[in-house]
Amino acid sequence: MVVIRLARGGAKARPFFNIVVADKRTRRDGRFIERIGFYNPIATASEESIRIALDRLTYWKSVGAQASPTVERLIDQAAKKAV
C-alpha cells in the first residue's frame, strides 16, 4: 500500500518534515517515491511553514494512496491558508 506521510529531517530540537509518498513497509525516514511538500513546525512569521503540491497530492490520492491523519490535518491547514 502507498501512503502519504511525514519524513523527519532537521537537527535535534529543530524539526523539519518532508511530506512524502512512500510504501507503507519502508522506514519513516527511509526510501520514498516522491516528495510532494514540506512542513516546518517552528517557522517564524516571515518564513513559509507548509507547502504542498496539490496537483501531485490529487494524483496520488486518485491512484489509491492514503494520507496519514497528521498529513490530512496539514492538508486542511494548507487549504485554509490558500483561501
N, C-alpha and C. Protein backbone atom coordinates (compact mmCIF):
# COMPACT_ATOMS: atom_id res chain seq x y z
N MET A 1 0.84 -1.17 0.00
CA MET A 1 0.00 0.00 0.00
C MET A 1 0.89 1.24 0.00
N VAL A 2 0.45 2.27 -0.69
CA VAL A 2 1.18 3.53 -0.77
C VAL A 2 0.54 4.52 0.19
N VAL A 3 1.37 5.21 0.98
CA VAL A 3 0.87 6.17 1.95
C VAL A 3 1.55 7.52 1.74
N ILE A 4 0.86 8.56 2.17
CA ILE A 4 1.41 9.91 2.17
C ILE A 4 1.65 10.23 3.62
N ARG A 5 2.92 10.47 3.98
CA ARG A 5 3.25 10.66 5.39
C ARG A 5 4.40 11.64 5.54
N LEU A 6 4.76 11.91 6.79
CA LEU A 6 5.85 12.82 7.09
C LEU A 6 7.15 12.05 7.27
N ALA A 7 8.24 12.62 6.77
CA ALA A 7 9.59 12.08 7.00
C ALA A 7 10.37 13.17 7.71
N ARG A 8 10.90 12.85 8.88
CA ARG A 8 11.56 13.87 9.69
C ARG A 8 12.95 14.17 9.19
N GLY A 9 13.30 15.44 9.26
CA GLY A 9 14.64 15.91 8.95
C GLY A 9 15.01 16.97 9.96
N GLY A 10 16.02 17.75 9.66
CA GLY A 10 16.43 18.82 10.57
C GLY A 10 17.38 18.31 11.62
N ALA A 11 17.59 19.11 12.64
CA ALA A 11 18.54 18.80 13.70
C ALA A 11 17.78 18.52 15.01
N LYS A 12 18.55 18.15 16.01
CA LYS A 12 17.96 17.91 17.32
C LYS A 12 17.30 19.21 17.81
N ALA A 13 16.08 19.12 18.27
CA ALA A 13 15.28 20.24 18.77
C ALA A 13 14.94 21.26 17.69
N ARG A 14 15.19 20.97 16.42
CA ARG A 14 14.80 21.85 15.30
C ARG A 14 14.20 20.98 14.20
N PRO A 15 12.99 20.46 14.41
CA PRO A 15 12.40 19.52 13.44
C PRO A 15 12.02 20.19 12.13
N PHE A 16 12.08 19.40 11.08
CA PHE A 16 11.64 19.80 9.75
C PHE A 16 11.12 18.52 9.10
N PHE A 17 9.96 18.59 8.49
CA PHE A 17 9.34 17.39 7.93
C PHE A 17 9.11 17.55 6.44
N ASN A 18 9.44 16.52 5.69
CA ASN A 18 9.08 16.43 4.28
C ASN A 18 7.79 15.63 4.18
N ILE A 19 6.89 16.05 3.33
CA ILE A 19 5.67 15.29 3.06
C ILE A 19 5.99 14.41 1.86
N VAL A 20 6.00 13.09 2.08
CA VAL A 20 6.46 12.17 1.05
C VAL A 20 5.40 11.11 0.75
N VAL A 21 5.50 10.55 -0.44
CA VAL A 21 4.71 9.39 -0.85
C VAL A 21 5.64 8.20 -0.76
N ALA A 22 5.27 7.19 0.03
CA ALA A 22 6.16 6.06 0.26
C ALA A 22 5.36 4.77 0.39
N ASP A 23 6.06 3.67 0.25
CA ASP A 23 5.47 2.36 0.52
C ASP A 23 5.30 2.23 2.03
N LYS A 24 4.20 1.66 2.45
CA LYS A 24 3.91 1.55 3.88
C LYS A 24 4.96 0.75 4.64
N ARG A 25 5.64 -0.18 3.94
CA ARG A 25 6.58 -1.06 4.62
C ARG A 25 7.95 -0.44 4.86
N THR A 26 8.23 0.71 4.26
CA THR A 26 9.54 1.34 4.45
C THR A 26 9.60 2.12 5.75
N ARG A 27 10.82 2.40 6.18
CA ARG A 27 11.01 3.14 7.42
C ARG A 27 10.51 4.57 7.28
N ARG A 28 10.27 5.21 8.41
CA ARG A 28 9.74 6.57 8.39
C ARG A 28 10.63 7.53 7.61
N ASP A 29 11.93 7.48 7.83
CA ASP A 29 12.86 8.40 7.16
C ASP A 29 13.61 7.71 6.03
N GLY A 30 13.14 6.55 5.61
CA GLY A 30 13.83 5.78 4.58
C GLY A 30 13.44 6.18 3.18
N ARG A 31 13.47 5.20 2.29
CA ARG A 31 13.21 5.44 0.87
C ARG A 31 11.78 5.90 0.65
N PHE A 32 11.61 6.79 -0.30
CA PHE A 32 10.28 7.27 -0.66
C PHE A 32 10.15 7.35 -2.17
N ILE A 33 8.93 7.45 -2.65
CA ILE A 33 8.67 7.50 -4.09
C ILE A 33 8.78 8.93 -4.60
N GLU A 34 8.14 9.87 -3.89
CA GLU A 34 8.14 11.25 -4.33
C GLU A 34 7.95 12.18 -3.14
N ARG A 35 8.65 13.31 -3.16
CA ARG A 35 8.48 14.35 -2.15
C ARG A 35 7.49 15.35 -2.72
N ILE A 36 6.37 15.58 -2.00
CA ILE A 36 5.34 16.47 -2.53
C ILE A 36 5.19 17.75 -1.71
N GLY A 37 5.98 17.93 -0.68
CA GLY A 37 5.88 19.15 0.09
C GLY A 37 6.73 19.10 1.34
N PHE A 38 6.55 20.13 2.18
CA PHE A 38 7.26 20.17 3.45
C PHE A 38 6.40 20.83 4.51
N TYR A 39 6.80 20.63 5.78
CA TYR A 39 6.15 21.24 6.93
C TYR A 39 7.23 21.64 7.91
N ASN A 40 7.24 22.92 8.27
CA ASN A 40 8.21 23.44 9.23
C ASN A 40 7.43 23.93 10.45
N PRO A 41 7.37 23.12 11.53
CA PRO A 41 6.54 23.48 12.68
C PRO A 41 7.07 24.66 13.48
N ILE A 42 8.34 25.03 13.32
CA ILE A 42 8.90 26.13 14.10
C ILE A 42 9.22 27.34 13.23
N ALA A 43 8.51 27.49 12.13
CA ALA A 43 8.72 28.62 11.22
C ALA A 43 8.29 29.92 11.90
N THR A 44 9.04 30.96 11.64
CA THR A 44 8.67 32.27 12.15
C THR A 44 7.61 32.87 11.22
N ALA A 45 7.13 34.05 11.57
CA ALA A 45 6.06 34.67 10.79
C ALA A 45 6.50 34.99 9.36
N SER A 46 7.78 35.27 9.17
CA SER A 46 8.26 35.63 7.83
C SER A 46 8.59 34.41 6.97
N GLU A 47 8.67 33.23 7.56
CA GLU A 47 9.00 32.02 6.83
C GLU A 47 7.74 31.24 6.46
N GLU A 48 7.85 30.47 5.40
CA GLU A 48 6.75 29.61 4.97
C GLU A 48 6.74 28.35 5.84
N SER A 49 5.59 28.02 6.41
CA SER A 49 5.55 26.88 7.32
C SER A 49 5.11 25.59 6.64
N ILE A 50 4.32 25.70 5.58
CA ILE A 50 3.85 24.49 4.92
C ILE A 50 3.68 24.76 3.42
N ARG A 51 4.06 23.77 2.62
CA ARG A 51 3.85 23.84 1.18
C ARG A 51 3.54 22.43 0.69
N ILE A 52 2.47 22.30 -0.08
CA ILE A 52 2.08 21.01 -0.64
C ILE A 52 1.75 21.21 -2.12
N ALA A 53 2.30 20.35 -2.96
CA ALA A 53 1.96 20.37 -4.39
C ALA A 53 0.61 19.68 -4.55
N LEU A 54 -0.44 20.49 -4.63
CA LEU A 54 -1.80 19.94 -4.64
C LEU A 54 -2.09 19.09 -5.87
N ASP A 55 -1.46 19.41 -7.00
CA ASP A 55 -1.69 18.59 -8.19
C ASP A 55 -1.14 17.18 -7.99
N ARG A 56 0.03 17.05 -7.39
CA ARG A 56 0.60 15.73 -7.12
C ARG A 56 -0.17 15.01 -6.03
N LEU A 57 -0.66 15.76 -5.04
CA LEU A 57 -1.47 15.16 -3.98
C LEU A 57 -2.75 14.55 -4.54
N THR A 58 -3.43 15.27 -5.42
CA THR A 58 -4.66 14.73 -6.00
C THR A 58 -4.36 13.52 -6.90
N TYR A 59 -3.22 13.56 -7.60
CA TYR A 59 -2.85 12.40 -8.42
C TYR A 59 -2.66 11.17 -7.55
N TRP A 60 -1.86 11.29 -6.50
CA TRP A 60 -1.57 10.12 -5.67
C TRP A 60 -2.82 9.60 -4.97
N LYS A 61 -3.69 10.51 -4.54
CA LYS A 61 -4.95 10.05 -3.93
C LYS A 61 -5.83 9.35 -4.96
N SER A 62 -5.77 9.80 -6.23
CA SER A 62 -6.61 9.18 -7.26
C SER A 62 -6.15 7.76 -7.59
N VAL A 63 -4.87 7.46 -7.38
CA VAL A 63 -4.39 6.12 -7.66
C VAL A 63 -4.38 5.24 -6.40
N GLY A 64 -4.95 5.73 -5.29
CA GLY A 64 -5.16 4.89 -4.13
C GLY A 64 -4.28 5.14 -2.93
N ALA A 65 -3.42 6.16 -2.95
CA ALA A 65 -2.58 6.44 -1.79
C ALA A 65 -3.45 7.00 -0.67
N GLN A 66 -3.13 6.61 0.56
CA GLN A 66 -3.87 7.09 1.71
C GLN A 66 -2.98 7.98 2.55
N ALA A 67 -3.50 9.12 2.96
CA ALA A 67 -2.74 10.06 3.78
C ALA A 67 -2.85 9.69 5.25
N SER A 68 -1.78 9.93 6.00
CA SER A 68 -1.82 9.70 7.44
C SER A 68 -2.71 10.76 8.07
N PRO A 69 -3.20 10.53 9.29
CA PRO A 69 -4.06 11.53 9.94
C PRO A 69 -3.38 12.89 10.09
N THR A 70 -2.10 12.89 10.40
CA THR A 70 -1.37 14.15 10.55
C THR A 70 -1.28 14.89 9.22
N VAL A 71 -1.03 14.17 8.15
CA VAL A 71 -0.95 14.80 6.83
C VAL A 71 -2.33 15.32 6.42
N GLU A 72 -3.40 14.61 6.74
CA GLU A 72 -4.75 15.10 6.45
C GLU A 72 -4.98 16.44 7.16
N ARG A 73 -4.55 16.54 8.40
CA ARG A 73 -4.70 17.78 9.16
C ARG A 73 -3.90 18.90 8.50
N LEU A 74 -2.69 18.60 8.04
CA LEU A 74 -1.86 19.60 7.39
C LEU A 74 -2.44 20.03 6.04
N ILE A 75 -3.07 19.11 5.33
CA ILE A 75 -3.72 19.44 4.05
C ILE A 75 -4.85 20.43 4.30
N ASP A 76 -5.65 20.18 5.33
CA ASP A 76 -6.74 21.10 5.67
C ASP A 76 -6.18 22.47 6.06
N GLN A 77 -5.09 22.47 6.81
CA GLN A 77 -4.46 23.70 7.23
C GLN A 77 -3.93 24.48 6.02
N ALA A 78 -3.32 23.80 5.06
CA ALA A 78 -2.81 24.46 3.87
C ALA A 78 -3.94 24.99 2.99
N ALA A 79 -5.05 24.27 2.94
CA ALA A 79 -6.20 24.71 2.15
C ALA A 79 -6.79 25.99 2.72
N LYS A 80 -6.83 26.09 4.05
CA LYS A 80 -7.35 27.31 4.69
C LYS A 80 -6.44 28.50 4.40
N LYS A 81 -5.12 28.27 4.38
CA LYS A 81 -4.18 29.34 4.08
C LYS A 81 -4.31 29.81 2.64
N ALA A 82 -4.60 28.90 1.74
CA ALA A 82 -4.68 29.23 0.31
C ALA A 82 -5.92 30.09 0.00
N VAL A 83 -6.94 30.00 0.80
CA VAL A 83 -8.18 30.75 0.55
C VAL A 83 -8.07 32.16 1.03
